[in-house]
Amino acid sequence: MERRWAQAAQLLVEYEQRLRAHMQFEERHLLAHCRAGRSRWGPEVYLAEHRRIEQFVRKAMERLARARRFGVTAAAMIALLDEEKTLKHVVEHHHEREEKGLFAELRGAA
């Protein structure tokens, strides 16, 4: 809202890097413990959500870059905020699934 586009772009890059590190760790070390029939959701559910989140982050980065290049109109600002809201909702849903499924099952297995 303050139109600090360079800072917004940098924060989005940092967010994407940390989110990617989280997903990579989860895929390498945790999803192997999700077994069909024993887990609430199988690894394919988490993997599909990871790919979807990556897609949303990539689109957000592209839209922000395009808006910065061509100028951020009121319509572009609304589109950026809508994109952020959708990304936030998808990430929150994924984290809720992790808490209820993956992390709870791993606590029980430990």
N, C-alpha and C. Protein backbone atom coordinates (compact mmCIF):
# COMPACT_ATOMS: atom_id res chain seq x y z
N MET A 1 0.82 -1.19 0.00
CA MET A 1 0.00 0.00 0.00
C MET A 1 0.87 1.26 0.00
N GLU A 2 2.08 1.14 0.49
CA GLU A 2 2.98 2.29 0.54
C GLU A 2 3.79 2.44 -0.73
N ARG A 3 3.59 1.52 -1.67
CA ARG A 3 4.23 1.58 -2.98
C ARG A 3 5.76 1.52 -2.92
N ARG A 4 6.26 0.73 -2.00
CA ARG A 4 7.71 0.48 -1.93
C ARG A 4 7.97 -0.81 -2.71
N TRP A 5 7.97 -0.66 -4.04
CA TRP A 5 7.98 -1.82 -4.93
C TRP A 5 9.26 -2.63 -4.85
N ALA A 6 10.40 -1.99 -4.74
CA ALA A 6 11.67 -2.73 -4.66
C ALA A 6 11.69 -3.58 -3.39
N GLN A 7 11.25 -3.00 -2.30
CA GLN A 7 11.21 -3.75 -1.04
C GLN A 7 10.19 -4.88 -1.12
N ALA A 8 9.05 -4.62 -1.72
CA ALA A 8 8.02 -5.66 -1.87
C ALA A 8 8.56 -6.82 -2.71
N ALA A 9 9.26 -6.50 -3.79
CA ALA A 9 9.82 -7.54 -4.65
C ALA A 9 10.86 -8.36 -3.89
N GLN A 10 11.72 -7.69 -3.12
CA GLN A 10 12.75 -8.39 -2.35
C GLN A 10 12.11 -9.29 -1.29
N LEU A 11 11.10 -8.80 -0.62
CA LEU A 11 10.42 -9.61 0.39
C LEU A 11 9.75 -10.83 -0.24
N LEU A 12 9.19 -10.65 -1.41
CA LEU A 12 8.56 -11.77 -2.10
C LEU A 12 9.59 -12.82 -2.50
N VAL A 13 10.76 -12.38 -2.94
CA VAL A 13 11.85 -13.31 -3.27
C VAL A 13 12.27 -14.08 -2.03
N GLU A 14 12.45 -13.39 -0.92
CA GLU A 14 12.85 -14.05 0.33
C GLU A 14 11.77 -15.03 0.81
N TYR A 15 10.53 -14.63 0.69
CA TYR A 15 9.42 -15.51 1.06
C TYR A 15 9.44 -16.78 0.21
N GLU A 16 9.62 -16.60 -1.09
CA GLU A 16 9.66 -17.75 -2.00
C GLU A 16 10.81 -18.68 -1.65
N GLN A 17 11.97 -18.14 -1.32
CA GLN A 17 13.13 -18.96 -0.97
C GLN A 17 12.88 -19.76 0.30
N ARG A 18 12.31 -19.12 1.30
CA ARG A 18 12.04 -19.81 2.57
C ARG A 18 10.94 -20.85 2.41
N LEU A 19 9.94 -20.51 1.64
CA LEU A 19 8.85 -21.45 1.39
C LEU A 19 9.39 -22.66 0.64
N ARG A 20 10.25 -22.43 -0.36
CA ARG A 20 10.84 -23.53 -1.12
C ARG A 20 11.69 -24.42 -0.21
N ALA A 21 12.47 -23.81 0.70
CA ALA A 21 13.28 -24.59 1.63
C ALA A 21 12.39 -25.45 2.52
N HIS A 22 11.29 -24.90 2.99
CA HIS A 22 10.34 -25.64 3.82
C HIS A 22 9.79 -26.84 3.04
N MET A 23 9.37 -26.60 1.81
CA MET A 23 8.78 -27.67 1.01
C MET A 23 9.81 -28.74 0.68
N GLN A 24 11.03 -28.33 0.36
CA GLN A 24 12.08 -29.31 0.06
C GLN A 24 12.40 -30.17 1.27
N PHE A 25 12.49 -29.57 2.44
CA PHE A 25 12.74 -30.34 3.65
C PHE A 25 11.61 -31.34 3.89
N GLU A 26 10.40 -30.85 3.76
CA GLU A 26 9.23 -31.71 3.96
C GLU A 26 9.24 -32.88 2.97
N GLU A 27 9.54 -32.59 1.71
CA GLU A 27 9.53 -33.64 0.69
C GLU A 27 10.66 -34.64 0.90
N ARG A 28 11.81 -34.18 1.32
CA ARG A 28 12.97 -35.08 1.51
C ARG A 28 12.87 -35.91 2.78
N HIS A 29 12.36 -35.31 3.85
CA HIS A 29 12.49 -35.95 5.15
C HIS A 29 11.18 -36.38 5.81
N LEU A 30 10.09 -35.75 5.49
CA LEU A 30 8.85 -36.03 6.22
C LEU A 30 7.83 -36.84 5.43
N LEU A 31 7.70 -36.56 4.15
CA LEU A 31 6.65 -37.21 3.38
C LEU A 31 6.85 -38.72 3.25
N ALA A 32 8.06 -39.18 3.42
CA ALA A 32 8.30 -40.62 3.36
C ALA A 32 7.54 -41.35 4.47
N HIS A 33 7.16 -40.64 5.50
CA HIS A 33 6.44 -41.24 6.62
C HIS A 33 4.93 -41.29 6.40
N CYS A 34 4.47 -40.72 5.30
CA CYS A 34 3.04 -40.80 4.94
C CYS A 34 2.83 -42.07 4.13
N ARG A 35 2.13 -42.97 4.67
CA ARG A 35 1.89 -44.24 4.00
C ARG A 35 0.41 -44.37 3.65
N ALA A 36 0.16 -44.87 2.47
CA ALA A 36 -1.22 -45.07 2.03
C ALA A 36 -1.96 -45.94 3.03
N GLY A 37 -3.14 -45.50 3.41
CA GLY A 37 -3.95 -46.27 4.34
C GLY A 37 -3.67 -45.95 5.79
N ARG A 38 -2.46 -45.50 6.11
CA ARG A 38 -2.12 -45.18 7.50
C ARG A 38 -2.13 -43.69 7.76
N SER A 39 -2.07 -42.91 6.70
CA SER A 39 -2.03 -41.46 6.83
C SER A 39 -3.35 -40.86 6.38
N ARG A 40 -3.68 -39.75 6.99
CA ARG A 40 -4.91 -39.05 6.63
C ARG A 40 -4.86 -38.63 5.16
N TRP A 41 -3.69 -38.09 4.74
CA TRP A 41 -3.48 -37.71 3.35
C TRP A 41 -2.15 -38.29 2.90
N GLY A 42 -2.13 -38.83 1.71
CA GLY A 42 -0.89 -39.40 1.19
C GLY A 42 0.07 -38.32 0.71
N PRO A 43 1.31 -38.69 0.45
CA PRO A 43 2.32 -37.72 0.03
C PRO A 43 1.93 -36.97 -1.25
N GLU A 44 1.16 -37.63 -2.12
CA GLU A 44 0.79 -36.97 -3.38
C GLU A 44 -0.07 -35.72 -3.15
N VAL A 45 -0.83 -35.71 -2.06
CA VAL A 45 -1.65 -34.53 -1.74
C VAL A 45 -0.75 -33.35 -1.38
N TYR A 46 0.22 -33.61 -0.51
CA TYR A 46 1.15 -32.55 -0.11
C TYR A 46 1.99 -32.07 -1.29
N LEU A 47 2.44 -33.00 -2.11
CA LEU A 47 3.25 -32.64 -3.29
C LEU A 47 2.45 -31.79 -4.26
N ALA A 48 1.19 -32.14 -4.49
CA ALA A 48 0.35 -31.36 -5.40
C ALA A 48 0.13 -29.96 -4.84
N GLU A 49 -0.05 -29.87 -3.54
CA GLU A 49 -0.22 -28.55 -2.93
C GLU A 49 1.06 -27.73 -3.04
N HIS A 50 2.20 -28.37 -2.88
CA HIS A 50 3.48 -27.66 -3.02
C HIS A 50 3.60 -27.07 -4.42
N ARG A 51 3.28 -27.86 -5.44
CA ARG A 51 3.38 -27.38 -6.82
C ARG A 51 2.40 -26.21 -7.04
N ARG A 52 1.22 -26.32 -6.46
CA ARG A 52 0.22 -25.25 -6.62
C ARG A 52 0.71 -23.97 -5.94
N ILE A 53 1.26 -24.08 -4.76
CA ILE A 53 1.80 -22.92 -4.04
C ILE A 53 2.93 -22.29 -4.85
N GLU A 54 3.83 -23.12 -5.38
CA GLU A 54 4.92 -22.60 -6.20
C GLU A 54 4.38 -21.82 -7.40
N GLN A 55 3.31 -22.33 -7.99
CA GLN A 55 2.69 -21.67 -9.13
C GLN A 55 2.15 -20.29 -8.72
N PHE A 56 1.46 -20.23 -7.60
CA PHE A 56 0.90 -18.96 -7.14
C PHE A 56 2.00 -17.95 -6.81
N VAL A 57 3.07 -18.41 -6.19
CA VAL A 57 4.17 -17.50 -5.86
C VAL A 57 4.82 -16.99 -7.14
N ARG A 58 5.04 -17.88 -8.09
CA ARG A 58 5.65 -17.48 -9.36
C ARG A 58 4.77 -16.45 -10.08
N LYS A 59 3.45 -16.69 -10.10
CA LYS A 59 2.54 -15.73 -10.73
C LYS A 59 2.56 -14.39 -10.01
N ALA A 60 2.61 -14.41 -8.69
CA ALA A 60 2.66 -13.17 -7.93
C ALA A 60 3.93 -12.40 -8.25
N MET A 61 5.05 -13.10 -8.36
CA MET A 61 6.32 -12.45 -8.70
C MET A 61 6.26 -11.85 -10.10
N GLU A 62 5.68 -12.58 -11.04
CA GLU A 62 5.56 -12.09 -12.41
C GLU A 62 4.65 -10.87 -12.47
N ARG A 63 3.53 -10.91 -11.77
CA ARG A 63 2.60 -9.77 -11.79
C ARG A 63 3.22 -8.53 -11.16
N LEU A 64 3.94 -8.73 -10.07
CA LEU A 64 4.59 -7.59 -9.44
C LEU A 64 5.65 -6.99 -10.37
N ALA A 65 6.43 -7.84 -11.00
CA ALA A 65 7.46 -7.35 -11.94
C ALA A 65 6.82 -6.60 -13.10
N ARG A 66 5.74 -7.15 -13.63
CA ARG A 66 5.04 -6.50 -14.76
C ARG A 66 4.46 -5.15 -14.31
N ALA A 67 3.86 -5.13 -13.13
CA ALA A 67 3.29 -3.88 -12.62
C ALA A 67 4.37 -2.82 -12.41
N ARG A 68 5.51 -3.26 -11.92
CA ARG A 68 6.62 -2.31 -11.72
C ARG A 68 7.12 -1.77 -13.05
N ARG A 69 7.16 -2.60 -14.07
CA ARG A 69 7.63 -2.17 -15.39
C ARG A 69 6.68 -1.16 -16.04
N PHE A 70 5.38 -1.44 -15.93
CA PHE A 70 4.39 -0.64 -16.66
C PHE A 70 3.67 0.38 -15.79
N GLY A 71 4.00 0.43 -14.53
CA GLY A 71 3.35 1.37 -13.62
C GLY A 71 2.19 0.70 -12.91
N VAL A 72 2.08 0.99 -11.65
CA VAL A 72 1.05 0.33 -10.84
C VAL A 72 -0.18 1.23 -10.79
N THR A 73 -1.15 0.87 -11.60
CA THR A 73 -2.43 1.56 -11.60
C THR A 73 -3.27 1.05 -10.44
N ALA A 74 -4.39 1.69 -10.22
CA ALA A 74 -5.30 1.23 -9.17
C ALA A 74 -5.77 -0.19 -9.48
N ALA A 75 -6.04 -0.47 -10.73
CA ALA A 75 -6.48 -1.82 -11.12
C ALA A 75 -5.37 -2.84 -10.88
N ALA A 76 -4.14 -2.47 -11.18
CA ALA A 76 -3.01 -3.37 -10.96
C ALA A 76 -2.81 -3.62 -9.47
N MET A 77 -2.99 -2.58 -8.66
CA MET A 77 -2.87 -2.73 -7.21
C MET A 77 -3.91 -3.70 -6.68
N ILE A 78 -5.14 -3.58 -7.15
CA ILE A 78 -6.21 -4.49 -6.72
C ILE A 78 -5.88 -5.92 -7.15
N ALA A 79 -5.39 -6.08 -8.36
CA ALA A 79 -5.02 -7.42 -8.85
C ALA A 79 -3.91 -8.02 -7.99
N LEU A 80 -2.92 -7.21 -7.61
CA LEU A 80 -1.83 -7.70 -6.76
C LEU A 80 -2.37 -8.12 -5.39
N LEU A 81 -3.27 -7.34 -4.84
CA LEU A 81 -3.85 -7.68 -3.54
C LEU A 81 -4.71 -8.94 -3.62
N ASP A 82 -5.46 -9.09 -4.71
CA ASP A 82 -6.27 -10.30 -4.90
C ASP A 82 -5.37 -11.53 -5.01
N GLU A 83 -4.28 -11.38 -5.76
CA GLU A 83 -3.33 -12.49 -5.90
C GLU A 83 -2.74 -12.87 -4.55
N GLU A 84 -2.40 -11.86 -3.76
CA GLU A 84 -1.85 -12.11 -2.43
C GLU A 84 -2.87 -12.83 -1.55
N LYS A 85 -4.11 -12.42 -1.62
CA LYS A 85 -5.17 -13.05 -0.81
C LYS A 85 -5.32 -14.53 -1.19
N THR A 86 -5.30 -14.82 -2.48
CA THR A 86 -5.43 -16.21 -2.93
C THR A 86 -4.24 -17.03 -2.47
N LEU A 87 -3.04 -16.51 -2.64
CA LEU A 87 -1.82 -17.21 -2.20
C LEU A 87 -1.89 -17.47 -0.70
N LYS A 88 -2.25 -16.46 0.06
CA LYS A 88 -2.33 -16.59 1.51
C LYS A 88 -3.33 -17.68 1.89
N HIS A 89 -4.46 -17.72 1.23
CA HIS A 89 -5.49 -18.73 1.53
C HIS A 89 -4.96 -20.14 1.24
N VAL A 90 -4.31 -20.32 0.11
CA VAL A 90 -3.78 -21.64 -0.27
C VAL A 90 -2.71 -22.09 0.72
N VAL A 91 -1.81 -21.19 1.11
CA VAL A 91 -0.75 -21.52 2.05
C VAL A 91 -1.34 -21.84 3.43
N GLU A 92 -2.31 -21.05 3.87
CA GLU A 92 -2.95 -21.33 5.16
C GLU A 92 -3.64 -22.69 5.16
N HIS A 93 -4.32 -23.01 4.07
CA HIS A 93 -4.98 -24.31 3.95
C HIS A 93 -3.95 -25.44 4.01
N HIS A 94 -2.83 -25.26 3.33
CA HIS A 94 -1.78 -26.27 3.33
C HIS A 94 -1.21 -26.46 4.74
N HIS A 95 -0.94 -25.36 5.42
CA HIS A 95 -0.39 -25.45 6.78
C HIS A 95 -1.38 -26.12 7.73
N GLU A 96 -2.65 -25.85 7.54
CA GLU A 96 -3.68 -26.52 8.35
C GLU A 96 -3.67 -28.02 8.10
N ARG A 97 -3.53 -28.42 6.84
CA ARG A 97 -3.45 -29.85 6.51
C ARG A 97 -2.21 -30.48 7.15
N GLU A 98 -1.09 -29.76 7.10
CA GLU A 98 0.13 -30.27 7.74
C GLU A 98 -0.08 -30.47 9.24
N GLU A 99 -0.68 -29.50 9.89
CA GLU A 99 -0.90 -29.58 11.34
C GLU A 99 -1.83 -30.74 11.69
N LYS A 100 -2.93 -30.88 10.96
CA LYS A 100 -3.92 -31.92 11.27
C LYS A 100 -3.48 -33.30 10.81
N GLY A 101 -2.69 -33.35 9.77
CA GLY A 101 -2.29 -34.63 9.21
C GLY A 101 -0.85 -34.96 9.47
N LEU A 102 0.01 -34.42 8.65
CA LEU A 102 1.42 -34.81 8.64
C LEU A 102 2.09 -34.64 10.01
N PHE A 103 2.03 -33.46 10.59
CA PHE A 103 2.74 -33.21 11.84
C PHE A 103 2.14 -34.01 12.98
N ALA A 104 0.82 -34.12 13.03
CA ALA A 104 0.17 -34.91 14.08
C ALA A 104 0.56 -36.38 13.96
N GLU A 105 0.61 -36.90 12.73
CA GLU A 105 0.98 -38.30 12.53
C GLU A 105 2.45 -38.53 12.88
N LEU A 106 3.29 -37.57 12.56
CA LEU A 106 4.71 -37.73 12.89
C LEU A 106 4.93 -37.65 14.40
N ARG A 107 4.19 -36.81 15.09
CA ARG A 107 4.29 -36.77 16.55
C ARG A 107 3.88 -38.11 17.14
N GLY A 108 2.84 -38.70 16.60
CA GLY A 108 2.38 -39.98 17.08
C GLY A 108 3.37 -41.10 16.80
N ALA A 109 4.07 -41.00 15.68
CA ALA A 109 5.05 -42.03 15.31
C ALA A 109 6.33 -41.89 16.11
N ALA A 110 6.62 -40.68 16.57
CA ALA A 110 7.85 -40.47 17.32
C ALA A 110 7.68 -41.07 18.69
